[in-house]
Amino acid sequence: MMEIINFLLDTNLLTKEQAEIIVSKSEFKKLKVNAVISQPHKIPNEIAFVSKGIFRVFYFDEEGNEITKFLFDENTFLVDIENYLIKKPSTDYIQAITEAEIYTFKRKDFEDLEKEIVNWNTVVQQIITKSHLKKFNLISPMLHETATVRYQNFIKNFPNFTNKIPLAFIASFLGITQQSLSRIRKNIP
């Protein structure tokens, strides 16, 4: 529980008591590998905070291939934010790729916090902005890099992922084949 409280306190906008009120609105869940917490054609109505574990956001392309759009690790809020906000069905899956522990907030409970926490909207905006910047700073440079540089940056940004998740997910996220990733890994000391 301390992970989520510390994350909320890092915003510098909340007291410990406020953070504890926020956490009291959540439900703690332990998930097994491959558990899906969001799927296409359903409106996302929960927000999850990842206390432990690694998740991926993925979809199936026209040929039926799984395409990993993004990877999330601990101390992150996890939701298909765009579809959550506009209350539209999601187009992606969100899946645990390791055993995981999360705190989930139902939409109503999350919205009710606005009545209880004075600057709740500012906190939420800060969390969303931080998440978008993290994704942008990771993905944007990848558009112009070689596969080797993308993998090296991946290792730098996600040092614990390479031994915990299937290489197929990493390759998909990097936009390369698993065979190319294997060659790149052999050539990097």
N, C-alpha and C. Protein backbone atom coordinates (compact mmCIF):
# COMPACT_ATOMS: atom_id res chain seq x y z
N MET A 1 0.82 -1.20 0.00
CA MET A 1 0.00 0.00 0.00
C MET A 1 0.86 1.26 0.00
N MET A 2 2.06 1.14 0.53
CA MET A 2 2.92 2.33 0.61
C MET A 2 3.31 2.85 -0.77
N GLU A 3 3.37 1.95 -1.77
CA GLU A 3 3.76 2.39 -3.11
C GLU A 3 2.78 3.45 -3.63
N ILE A 4 1.49 3.18 -3.52
CA ILE A 4 0.50 4.13 -4.03
C ILE A 4 0.47 5.40 -3.19
N ILE A 5 0.60 5.26 -1.89
CA ILE A 5 0.61 6.45 -1.03
C ILE A 5 1.81 7.32 -1.37
N ASN A 6 2.98 6.71 -1.51
CA ASN A 6 4.18 7.49 -1.86
C ASN A 6 4.05 8.14 -3.23
N PHE A 7 3.46 7.40 -4.19
CA PHE A 7 3.24 7.97 -5.52
C PHE A 7 2.36 9.22 -5.42
N LEU A 8 1.28 9.12 -4.67
CA LEU A 8 0.37 10.26 -4.53
C LEU A 8 1.03 11.42 -3.79
N LEU A 9 1.82 11.10 -2.78
CA LEU A 9 2.51 12.16 -2.03
C LEU A 9 3.57 12.86 -2.89
N ASP A 10 4.13 12.15 -3.86
CA ASP A 10 5.13 12.74 -4.75
C ASP A 10 4.56 13.86 -5.62
N THR A 11 3.25 13.95 -5.70
CA THR A 11 2.66 15.06 -6.46
C THR A 11 2.86 16.38 -5.74
N ASN A 12 3.17 16.30 -4.44
CA ASN A 12 3.32 17.48 -3.59
C ASN A 12 2.04 18.30 -3.50
N LEU A 13 0.91 17.66 -3.77
CA LEU A 13 -0.39 18.34 -3.71
C LEU A 13 -1.31 17.74 -2.65
N LEU A 14 -0.85 16.66 -2.02
CA LEU A 14 -1.71 15.95 -1.09
C LEU A 14 -1.03 15.75 0.26
N THR A 15 -1.86 15.66 1.28
CA THR A 15 -1.36 15.28 2.60
C THR A 15 -1.41 13.76 2.69
N LYS A 16 -0.76 13.21 3.69
CA LYS A 16 -0.81 11.76 3.89
C LYS A 16 -2.24 11.31 4.16
N GLU A 17 -3.00 12.10 4.90
CA GLU A 17 -4.39 11.76 5.19
C GLU A 17 -5.22 11.72 3.90
N GLN A 18 -5.00 12.68 3.01
CA GLN A 18 -5.72 12.69 1.74
C GLN A 18 -5.34 11.46 0.91
N ALA A 19 -4.06 11.13 0.87
CA ALA A 19 -3.61 9.95 0.12
C ALA A 19 -4.26 8.68 0.68
N GLU A 20 -4.38 8.60 1.98
CA GLU A 20 -5.02 7.43 2.59
C GLU A 20 -6.52 7.37 2.25
N ILE A 21 -7.17 8.52 2.18
CA ILE A 21 -8.58 8.56 1.76
C ILE A 21 -8.70 8.03 0.33
N ILE A 22 -7.80 8.47 -0.54
CA ILE A 22 -7.82 8.02 -1.94
C ILE A 22 -7.66 6.51 -2.01
N VAL A 23 -6.68 5.98 -1.30
CA VAL A 23 -6.42 4.54 -1.32
C VAL A 23 -7.61 3.77 -0.75
N SER A 24 -8.31 4.34 0.22
CA SER A 24 -9.46 3.65 0.82
C SER A 24 -10.58 3.44 -0.20
N LYS A 25 -10.58 4.19 -1.27
CA LYS A 25 -11.60 4.04 -2.32
C LYS A 25 -11.24 2.95 -3.33
N SER A 26 -10.06 2.35 -3.17
CA SER A 26 -9.60 1.35 -4.13
C SER A 26 -9.82 -0.06 -3.62
N GLU A 27 -9.66 -1.00 -4.55
CA GLU A 27 -9.73 -2.42 -4.21
C GLU A 27 -8.40 -3.05 -4.61
N PHE A 28 -7.75 -3.72 -3.68
CA PHE A 28 -6.48 -4.38 -3.93
C PHE A 28 -6.73 -5.72 -4.62
N LYS A 29 -5.97 -6.00 -5.67
CA LYS A 29 -6.11 -7.26 -6.40
C LYS A 29 -4.74 -7.84 -6.72
N LYS A 30 -4.65 -9.17 -6.60
CA LYS A 30 -3.47 -9.89 -7.06
C LYS A 30 -3.85 -10.54 -8.38
N LEU A 31 -2.98 -10.42 -9.37
CA LEU A 31 -3.27 -10.96 -10.69
C LEU A 31 -2.23 -11.98 -11.10
N LYS A 32 -2.67 -12.96 -11.83
CA LYS A 32 -1.77 -13.97 -12.39
C LYS A 32 -1.26 -13.49 -13.75
N VAL A 33 -0.20 -14.13 -14.21
CA VAL A 33 0.33 -13.84 -15.54
C VAL A 33 -0.79 -14.02 -16.57
N ASN A 34 -0.85 -13.11 -17.52
CA ASN A 34 -1.82 -13.09 -18.62
C ASN A 34 -3.21 -12.59 -18.24
N ALA A 35 -3.42 -12.17 -16.99
CA ALA A 35 -4.72 -11.61 -16.63
C ALA A 35 -4.97 -10.34 -17.44
N VAL A 36 -6.18 -10.21 -17.95
CA VAL A 36 -6.55 -9.04 -18.76
C VAL A 36 -7.43 -8.14 -17.90
N ILE A 37 -7.05 -6.86 -17.81
CA ILE A 37 -7.84 -5.93 -17.00
C ILE A 37 -8.64 -4.95 -17.85
N SER A 38 -8.40 -4.93 -19.15
CA SER A 38 -9.18 -4.10 -20.06
C SER A 38 -9.16 -4.77 -21.42
N GLN A 39 -10.27 -4.69 -22.13
CA GLN A 39 -10.32 -5.32 -23.44
C GLN A 39 -11.15 -4.50 -24.42
N PRO A 40 -10.95 -4.78 -25.71
CA PRO A 40 -11.68 -4.02 -26.74
C PRO A 40 -13.19 -4.20 -26.61
N HIS A 41 -13.89 -3.22 -27.15
CA HIS A 41 -15.35 -3.22 -27.24
C HIS A 41 -16.04 -3.03 -25.89
N LYS A 42 -15.26 -2.70 -24.86
CA LYS A 42 -15.84 -2.41 -23.55
C LYS A 42 -15.34 -1.03 -23.11
N ILE A 43 -16.24 -0.27 -22.52
CA ILE A 43 -15.86 1.05 -22.01
C ILE A 43 -15.02 0.86 -20.75
N PRO A 44 -13.82 1.43 -20.71
CA PRO A 44 -13.01 1.33 -19.49
C PRO A 44 -13.70 2.07 -18.35
N ASN A 45 -13.99 1.36 -17.27
CA ASN A 45 -14.66 1.97 -16.13
C ASN A 45 -13.88 1.82 -14.84
N GLU A 46 -12.62 1.39 -14.96
CA GLU A 46 -11.75 1.29 -13.81
C GLU A 46 -10.39 1.86 -14.15
N ILE A 47 -9.76 2.40 -13.14
CA ILE A 47 -8.38 2.86 -13.24
C ILE A 47 -7.58 2.01 -12.27
N ALA A 48 -6.42 1.56 -12.71
CA ALA A 48 -5.59 0.71 -11.85
C ALA A 48 -4.26 1.40 -11.55
N PHE A 49 -3.80 1.22 -10.33
CA PHE A 49 -2.46 1.63 -9.97
C PHE A 49 -1.64 0.36 -9.83
N VAL A 50 -0.52 0.28 -10.56
CA VAL A 50 0.33 -0.91 -10.53
C VAL A 50 1.30 -0.80 -9.36
N SER A 51 1.08 -1.64 -8.39
CA SER A 51 1.95 -1.70 -7.23
C SER A 51 3.12 -2.65 -7.47
N LYS A 52 2.83 -3.73 -8.20
CA LYS A 52 3.85 -4.72 -8.49
C LYS A 52 3.50 -5.37 -9.82
N GLY A 53 4.50 -5.57 -10.68
CA GLY A 53 4.28 -6.28 -11.92
C GLY A 53 4.50 -5.44 -13.16
N ILE A 54 4.36 -6.09 -14.30
CA ILE A 54 4.54 -5.46 -15.61
C ILE A 54 3.31 -5.76 -16.45
N PHE A 55 2.83 -4.74 -17.16
CA PHE A 55 1.66 -4.85 -18.02
C PHE A 55 2.01 -4.40 -19.43
N ARG A 56 1.21 -4.87 -20.37
CA ARG A 56 1.35 -4.38 -21.74
C ARG A 56 -0.01 -3.98 -22.27
N VAL A 57 0.00 -3.01 -23.17
CA VAL A 57 -1.17 -2.61 -23.93
C VAL A 57 -0.94 -3.16 -25.33
N PHE A 58 -1.91 -3.92 -25.84
CA PHE A 58 -1.72 -4.50 -27.17
C PHE A 58 -3.05 -4.60 -27.91
N TYR A 59 -2.93 -4.84 -29.21
CA TYR A 59 -4.09 -5.05 -30.07
C TYR A 59 -3.71 -6.08 -31.13
N PHE A 60 -4.69 -6.53 -31.89
CA PHE A 60 -4.44 -7.43 -33.00
C PHE A 60 -4.56 -6.65 -34.29
N ASP A 61 -3.57 -6.78 -35.18
CA ASP A 61 -3.65 -6.11 -36.47
C ASP A 61 -4.55 -6.91 -37.42
N GLU A 62 -4.66 -6.44 -38.66
CA GLU A 62 -5.57 -7.06 -39.63
C GLU A 62 -5.22 -8.52 -39.91
N GLU A 63 -3.92 -8.87 -39.79
CA GLU A 63 -3.49 -10.24 -40.04
C GLU A 63 -3.58 -11.13 -38.79
N GLY A 64 -4.03 -10.57 -37.68
CA GLY A 64 -4.16 -11.35 -36.46
C GLY A 64 -2.90 -11.37 -35.59
N ASN A 65 -1.91 -10.53 -35.94
CA ASN A 65 -0.69 -10.45 -35.14
C ASN A 65 -0.91 -9.56 -33.92
N GLU A 66 -0.36 -9.97 -32.79
CA GLU A 66 -0.41 -9.14 -31.59
C GLU A 66 0.63 -8.03 -31.71
N ILE A 67 0.19 -6.80 -31.51
CA ILE A 67 1.09 -5.65 -31.58
C ILE A 67 1.10 -4.99 -30.20
N THR A 68 2.26 -4.97 -29.57
CA THR A 68 2.41 -4.35 -28.25
C THR A 68 2.64 -2.86 -28.45
N LYS A 69 1.70 -2.06 -27.95
CA LYS A 69 1.80 -0.61 -28.08
C LYS A 69 2.65 0.02 -26.99
N PHE A 70 2.51 -0.50 -25.77
CA PHE A 70 3.27 0.09 -24.67
C PHE A 70 3.40 -0.90 -23.54
N LEU A 71 4.42 -0.68 -22.73
CA LEU A 71 4.68 -1.50 -21.55
C LEU A 71 4.65 -0.59 -20.33
N PHE A 72 4.07 -1.09 -19.25
CA PHE A 72 3.97 -0.33 -18.00
C PHE A 72 4.55 -1.15 -16.88
N ASP A 73 5.25 -0.48 -15.99
CA ASP A 73 5.77 -1.19 -14.83
C ASP A 73 5.18 -0.59 -13.57
N GLU A 74 5.86 -0.83 -12.48
CA GLU A 74 5.34 -0.44 -11.18
C GLU A 74 5.27 1.07 -10.98
N ASN A 75 4.44 1.45 -10.03
CA ASN A 75 4.24 2.86 -9.66
C ASN A 75 3.70 3.68 -10.83
N THR A 76 2.69 3.12 -11.47
CA THR A 76 2.07 3.76 -12.63
C THR A 76 0.56 3.58 -12.54
N PHE A 77 -0.18 4.63 -12.90
CA PHE A 77 -1.61 4.46 -13.09
C PHE A 77 -1.82 3.94 -14.49
N LEU A 78 -2.75 3.01 -14.62
CA LEU A 78 -2.93 2.28 -15.86
C LEU A 78 -4.40 2.30 -16.26
N VAL A 79 -4.67 2.88 -17.43
CA VAL A 79 -6.03 2.93 -17.98
C VAL A 79 -5.91 3.37 -19.43
N ASP A 80 -6.85 2.97 -20.24
CA ASP A 80 -6.97 3.51 -21.60
C ASP A 80 -7.60 4.89 -21.42
N ILE A 81 -6.75 5.88 -21.14
CA ILE A 81 -7.22 7.18 -20.65
C ILE A 81 -8.14 7.89 -21.65
N GLU A 82 -7.80 7.82 -22.93
CA GLU A 82 -8.63 8.53 -23.91
C GLU A 82 -10.06 8.00 -23.90
N ASN A 83 -10.20 6.68 -23.96
CA ASN A 83 -11.54 6.09 -23.99
C ASN A 83 -12.23 6.15 -22.63
N TYR A 84 -11.45 6.13 -21.56
CA TYR A 84 -12.02 6.30 -20.22
C TYR A 84 -12.68 7.68 -20.11
N LEU A 85 -11.97 8.70 -20.58
CA LEU A 85 -12.47 10.07 -20.44
C LEU A 85 -13.70 10.33 -21.30
N ILE A 86 -13.73 9.78 -22.51
CA ILE A 86 -14.87 10.05 -23.39
C ILE A 86 -15.93 8.95 -23.33
N LYS A 87 -15.69 7.97 -22.47
CA LYS A 87 -16.63 6.86 -22.24
C LYS A 87 -16.97 6.12 -23.53
N LYS A 88 -15.94 5.79 -24.28
CA LYS A 88 -16.08 5.03 -25.52
C LYS A 88 -15.41 3.67 -25.34
N PRO A 89 -15.85 2.66 -26.07
CA PRO A 89 -15.22 1.35 -25.98
C PRO A 89 -13.74 1.40 -26.36
N SER A 90 -12.96 0.65 -25.64
CA SER A 90 -11.52 0.58 -25.89
C SER A 90 -11.24 -0.19 -27.16
N THR A 91 -10.09 0.02 -27.72
CA THR A 91 -9.65 -0.74 -28.90
C THR A 91 -8.50 -1.68 -28.54
N ASP A 92 -8.02 -1.60 -27.30
CA ASP A 92 -6.84 -2.36 -26.89
C ASP A 92 -7.12 -3.26 -25.69
N TYR A 93 -6.22 -4.20 -25.52
CA TYR A 93 -6.19 -5.05 -24.33
C TYR A 93 -5.14 -4.48 -23.38
N ILE A 94 -5.35 -4.63 -22.09
CA ILE A 94 -4.31 -4.37 -21.09
C ILE A 94 -4.15 -5.66 -20.33
N GLN A 95 -2.93 -6.20 -20.34
CA GLN A 95 -2.67 -7.53 -19.83
C GLN A 95 -1.46 -7.54 -18.89
N ALA A 96 -1.58 -8.28 -17.80
CA ALA A 96 -0.45 -8.50 -16.91
C ALA A 96 0.47 -9.51 -17.58
N ILE A 97 1.74 -9.18 -17.69
CA ILE A 97 2.67 -10.14 -18.30
C ILE A 97 3.63 -10.73 -17.26
N THR A 98 3.42 -10.33 -16.02
CA THR A 98 4.05 -10.98 -14.88
C THR A 98 2.96 -11.08 -13.81
N GLU A 99 3.23 -11.80 -12.74
CA GLU A 99 2.30 -11.72 -11.62
C GLU A 99 2.27 -10.27 -11.17
N ALA A 100 1.11 -9.81 -10.72
CA ALA A 100 0.97 -8.38 -10.45
C ALA A 100 0.07 -8.13 -9.24
N GLU A 101 0.24 -6.95 -8.69
CA GLU A 101 -0.63 -6.45 -7.64
C GLU A 101 -1.05 -5.05 -8.03
N ILE A 102 -2.36 -4.81 -8.01
CA ILE A 102 -2.88 -3.51 -8.41
C ILE A 102 -3.93 -3.04 -7.40
N TYR A 103 -4.15 -1.73 -7.44
CA TYR A 103 -5.25 -1.11 -6.71
C TYR A 103 -6.17 -0.57 -7.79
N THR A 104 -7.43 -1.00 -7.79
CA THR A 104 -8.36 -0.52 -8.81
C THR A 104 -9.37 0.44 -8.21
N PHE A 105 -9.73 1.42 -9.02
CA PHE A 105 -10.73 2.42 -8.64
C PHE A 105 -11.86 2.34 -9.64
N LYS A 106 -13.05 2.11 -9.18
CA LYS A 106 -14.22 2.18 -10.05
C LYS A 106 -14.46 3.65 -10.43
N ARG A 107 -15.02 3.86 -11.60
CA ARG A 107 -15.23 5.22 -12.10
C ARG A 107 -15.93 6.10 -11.07
N LYS A 108 -17.00 5.62 -10.49
CA LYS A 108 -17.78 6.43 -9.54
C LYS A 108 -16.93 6.81 -8.33
N ASP A 109 -16.18 5.85 -7.79
CA ASP A 109 -15.34 6.13 -6.63
C ASP A 109 -14.26 7.14 -6.98
N PHE A 110 -13.68 7.01 -8.17
CA PHE A 110 -12.63 7.93 -8.60
C PHE A 110 -13.22 9.35 -8.76
N GLU A 111 -14.39 9.42 -9.34
CA GLU A 111 -15.05 10.72 -9.53
C GLU A 111 -15.50 11.32 -8.21
N ASP A 112 -15.95 10.47 -7.27
CA ASP A 112 -16.38 10.97 -5.96
C ASP A 112 -15.24 11.62 -5.19
N LEU A 113 -14.01 11.26 -5.51
CA LEU A 113 -12.86 11.85 -4.80
C LEU A 113 -12.79 13.36 -5.03
N GLU A 114 -13.38 13.83 -6.12
CA GLU A 114 -13.40 15.27 -6.41
C GLU A 114 -14.14 16.03 -5.30
N LYS A 115 -15.13 15.38 -4.69
CA LYS A 115 -15.90 16.01 -3.62
C LYS A 115 -15.15 15.97 -2.29
N GLU A 116 -14.24 15.01 -2.14
CA GLU A 116 -13.55 14.83 -0.86
C GLU A 116 -12.15 15.43 -0.82
N ILE A 117 -11.49 15.51 -1.96
CA ILE A 117 -10.11 16.02 -2.01
C ILE A 117 -10.14 17.36 -2.74
N VAL A 118 -9.76 18.41 -2.04
CA VAL A 118 -9.91 19.78 -2.55
C VAL A 118 -9.29 19.97 -3.94
N ASN A 119 -8.07 19.54 -4.15
CA ASN A 119 -7.40 19.78 -5.43
C ASN A 119 -7.26 18.49 -6.25
N TRP A 120 -8.27 17.63 -6.16
CA TRP A 120 -8.23 16.32 -6.82
C TRP A 120 -8.04 16.45 -8.33
N ASN A 121 -8.74 17.37 -8.98
CA ASN A 121 -8.60 17.52 -10.44
C ASN A 121 -7.18 17.90 -10.82
N THR A 122 -6.54 18.73 -10.02
CA THR A 122 -5.15 19.11 -10.29
C THR A 122 -4.23 17.90 -10.15
N VAL A 123 -4.48 17.08 -9.14
CA VAL A 123 -3.69 15.86 -8.94
C VAL A 123 -3.85 14.94 -10.15
N VAL A 124 -5.09 14.73 -10.57
CA VAL A 124 -5.35 13.85 -11.71
C VAL A 124 -4.67 14.39 -12.97
N GLN A 125 -4.76 15.68 -13.21
CA GLN A 125 -4.11 16.27 -14.38
C GLN A 125 -2.60 16.09 -14.33
N GLN A 126 -2.02 16.24 -13.16
CA GLN A 126 -0.58 16.05 -13.01
C GLN A 126 -0.19 14.60 -13.32
N ILE A 127 -0.98 13.66 -12.84
CA ILE A 127 -0.70 12.24 -13.09
C ILE A 127 -0.82 11.93 -14.58
N ILE A 128 -1.87 12.43 -15.23
CA ILE A 128 -2.07 12.19 -16.66
C ILE A 128 -0.93 12.82 -17.46
N THR A 129 -0.57 14.04 -17.14
CA THR A 129 0.51 14.72 -17.85
C THR A 129 1.82 13.97 -17.70
N LYS A 130 2.13 13.54 -16.50
CA LYS A 130 3.36 12.80 -16.25
C LYS A 130 3.38 11.51 -17.07
N SER A 131 2.26 10.81 -17.12
CA SER A 131 2.17 9.57 -17.87
C SER A 131 2.35 9.81 -19.37
N HIS A 132 1.68 10.83 -19.89
CA HIS A 132 1.80 11.14 -21.32
C HIS A 132 3.21 11.56 -21.68
N LEU A 133 3.86 12.34 -20.84
CA LEU A 133 5.23 12.75 -21.11
C LEU A 133 6.17 11.55 -21.12
N LYS A 134 5.96 10.63 -20.19
CA LYS A 134 6.80 9.42 -20.15
C LYS A 134 6.65 8.64 -21.45
N LYS A 135 5.41 8.44 -21.91
CA LYS A 135 5.17 7.71 -23.15
C LYS A 135 5.75 8.46 -24.34
N PHE A 136 5.53 9.76 -24.40
CA PHE A 136 6.03 10.56 -25.51
C PHE A 136 7.54 10.52 -25.57
N ASN A 137 8.19 10.70 -24.43
CA ASN A 137 9.66 10.72 -24.40
C ASN A 137 10.27 9.37 -24.73
N LEU A 138 9.53 8.31 -24.54
CA LEU A 138 10.03 6.99 -24.88
C LEU A 138 9.75 6.65 -26.34
N ILE A 139 8.55 6.92 -26.80
CA ILE A 139 8.15 6.49 -28.14
C ILE A 139 8.62 7.44 -29.23
N SER A 140 8.55 8.73 -29.02
CA SER A 140 8.88 9.70 -30.06
C SER A 140 10.28 9.51 -30.63
N PRO A 141 11.31 9.37 -29.81
CA PRO A 141 12.64 9.17 -30.39
C PRO A 141 12.77 7.87 -31.17
N MET A 142 11.96 6.86 -30.83
CA MET A 142 12.06 5.57 -31.50
C MET A 142 11.70 5.67 -32.97
N LEU A 143 10.95 6.67 -33.35
CA LEU A 143 10.52 6.81 -34.73
C LEU A 143 11.69 7.04 -35.68
N HIS A 144 12.81 7.53 -35.17
CA HIS A 144 13.94 7.89 -36.02
C HIS A 144 15.19 7.08 -35.71
N GLU A 145 15.09 6.06 -34.88
CA GLU A 145 16.26 5.30 -34.47
C GLU A 145 16.34 3.96 -35.19
N THR A 146 17.55 3.44 -35.26
CA THR A 146 17.73 2.09 -35.78
C THR A 146 17.20 1.09 -34.75
N ALA A 147 16.99 -0.13 -35.18
CA ALA A 147 16.49 -1.16 -34.27
C ALA A 147 17.45 -1.38 -33.10
N THR A 148 18.75 -1.33 -33.38
CA THR A 148 19.74 -1.52 -32.31
C THR A 148 19.65 -0.41 -31.28
N VAL A 149 19.55 0.82 -31.72
CA VAL A 149 19.45 1.95 -30.80
C VAL A 149 18.14 1.88 -30.02
N ARG A 150 17.05 1.48 -30.69
CA ARG A 150 15.77 1.33 -29.98
C ARG A 150 15.90 0.32 -28.85
N TYR A 151 16.57 -0.81 -29.14
CA TYR A 151 16.73 -1.82 -28.10
C TYR A 151 17.64 -1.32 -26.97
N GLN A 152 18.71 -0.64 -27.31
CA GLN A 152 19.59 -0.10 -26.27
C GLN A 152 18.85 0.90 -25.39
N ASN A 153 18.03 1.73 -25.99
CA ASN A 153 17.24 2.68 -25.20
C ASN A 153 16.17 1.95 -24.37
N PHE A 154 15.63 0.89 -24.93
CA PHE A 154 14.66 0.09 -24.19
C PHE A 154 15.31 -0.47 -22.92
N ILE A 155 16.51 -1.01 -23.04
CA ILE A 155 17.23 -1.55 -21.88
C ILE A 155 17.49 -0.45 -20.86
N LYS A 156 17.83 0.73 -21.35
CA LYS A 156 18.10 1.85 -20.44
C LYS A 156 16.82 2.30 -19.72
N ASN A 157 15.72 2.35 -20.44
CA ASN A 157 14.46 2.81 -19.85
C ASN A 157 13.74 1.75 -19.02
N PHE A 158 13.92 0.49 -19.38
CA PHE A 158 13.26 -0.61 -18.69
C PHE A 158 14.29 -1.68 -18.33
N PRO A 159 15.22 -1.39 -17.45
CA PRO A 159 16.32 -2.32 -17.17
C PRO A 159 15.87 -3.68 -16.63
N ASN A 160 14.74 -3.75 -15.97
CA ASN A 160 14.29 -5.01 -15.38
C ASN A 160 13.41 -5.84 -16.31
N PHE A 161 13.05 -5.32 -17.45
CA PHE A 161 12.09 -6.00 -18.31
C PHE A 161 12.68 -7.18 -19.08
N THR A 162 13.93 -7.06 -19.53
CA THR A 162 14.46 -8.05 -20.48
C THR A 162 14.46 -9.47 -19.95
N ASN A 163 14.57 -9.65 -18.66
CA ASN A 163 14.58 -11.00 -18.10
C ASN A 163 13.23 -11.42 -17.54
N LYS A 164 12.25 -10.53 -17.58
CA LYS A 164 10.96 -10.83 -16.96
C LYS A 164 9.82 -11.03 -17.94
N ILE A 165 10.00 -10.55 -19.17
CA ILE A 165 8.89 -10.65 -20.12
C ILE A 165 9.35 -11.33 -21.41
N PRO A 166 8.44 -11.95 -22.13
CA PRO A 166 8.80 -12.64 -23.36
C PRO A 166 9.42 -11.69 -24.39
N LEU A 167 10.44 -12.19 -25.08
CA LEU A 167 11.11 -11.39 -26.11
C LEU A 167 10.15 -10.98 -27.22
N ALA A 168 9.13 -11.81 -27.47
CA ALA A 168 8.15 -11.48 -28.51
C ALA A 168 7.46 -10.15 -28.20
N PHE A 169 7.17 -9.88 -26.93
CA PHE A 169 6.52 -8.62 -26.55
C PHE A 169 7.48 -7.45 -26.75
N ILE A 170 8.74 -7.65 -26.39
CA ILE A 170 9.74 -6.58 -26.56
C ILE A 170 9.92 -6.28 -28.04
N ALA A 171 10.05 -7.33 -28.85
CA ALA A 171 10.23 -7.15 -30.29
C ALA A 171 9.04 -6.40 -30.89
N SER A 172 7.84 -6.80 -30.51
CA SER A 172 6.64 -6.14 -31.02
C SER A 172 6.61 -4.68 -30.62
N PHE A 173 6.94 -4.39 -29.38
CA PHE A 173 6.96 -3.01 -28.90
C PHE A 173 7.98 -2.18 -29.68
N LEU A 174 9.13 -2.79 -30.00
CA LEU A 174 10.18 -2.08 -30.73
C LEU A 174 9.91 -2.02 -32.24
N GLY A 175 8.91 -2.74 -32.69
CA GLY A 175 8.56 -2.72 -34.12
C GLY A 175 9.50 -3.54 -34.97
N ILE A 176 10.05 -4.63 -34.40
CA ILE A 176 10.95 -5.50 -35.14
C ILE A 176 10.52 -6.95 -34.93
N THR A 177 11.11 -7.84 -35.72
CA THR A 177 10.79 -9.25 -35.55
C THR A 177 11.58 -9.82 -34.38
N GLN A 178 11.12 -10.94 -33.88
CA GLN A 178 11.82 -11.58 -32.78
C GLN A 178 13.21 -12.05 -33.24
N GLN A 179 13.33 -12.47 -34.50
CA GLN A 179 14.62 -12.90 -35.03
C GLN A 179 15.60 -11.72 -35.07
N SER A 180 15.12 -10.56 -35.48
CA SER A 180 15.99 -9.36 -35.49
C SER A 180 16.43 -9.01 -34.08
N LEU A 181 15.51 -9.11 -33.14
CA LEU A 181 15.86 -8.82 -31.75
C LEU A 181 16.91 -9.79 -31.25
N SER A 182 16.79 -11.05 -31.59
CA SER A 182 17.80 -12.04 -31.17
C SER A 182 19.17 -11.70 -31.74
N ARG A 183 19.23 -11.30 -33.01
CA ARG A 183 20.52 -10.89 -33.62
C ARG A 183 21.10 -9.68 -32.91
N ILE A 184 20.25 -8.70 -32.64
CA ILE A 184 20.71 -7.48 -31.96
C ILE A 184 21.26 -7.84 -30.58
N ARG A 185 20.56 -8.67 -29.84
CA ARG A 185 20.99 -9.06 -28.50
C ARG A 185 22.34 -9.79 -28.52
N LYS A 186 22.57 -10.59 -29.56
CA LYS A 186 23.85 -11.30 -29.67
C LYS A 186 25.01 -10.35 -29.91
N ASN A 187 24.75 -9.25 -30.58
CA ASN A 187 25.81 -8.31 -30.95
C ASN A 187 26.06 -7.23 -29.91
N ILE A 188 25.23 -7.21 -28.86
CA ILE A 188 25.43 -6.20 -27.81
C ILE A 188 26.11 -6.88 -26.62
N PRO A 189 27.26 -6.32 -26.21
CA PRO A 189 27.99 -6.95 -25.08
C PRO A 189 27.24 -6.87 -23.78
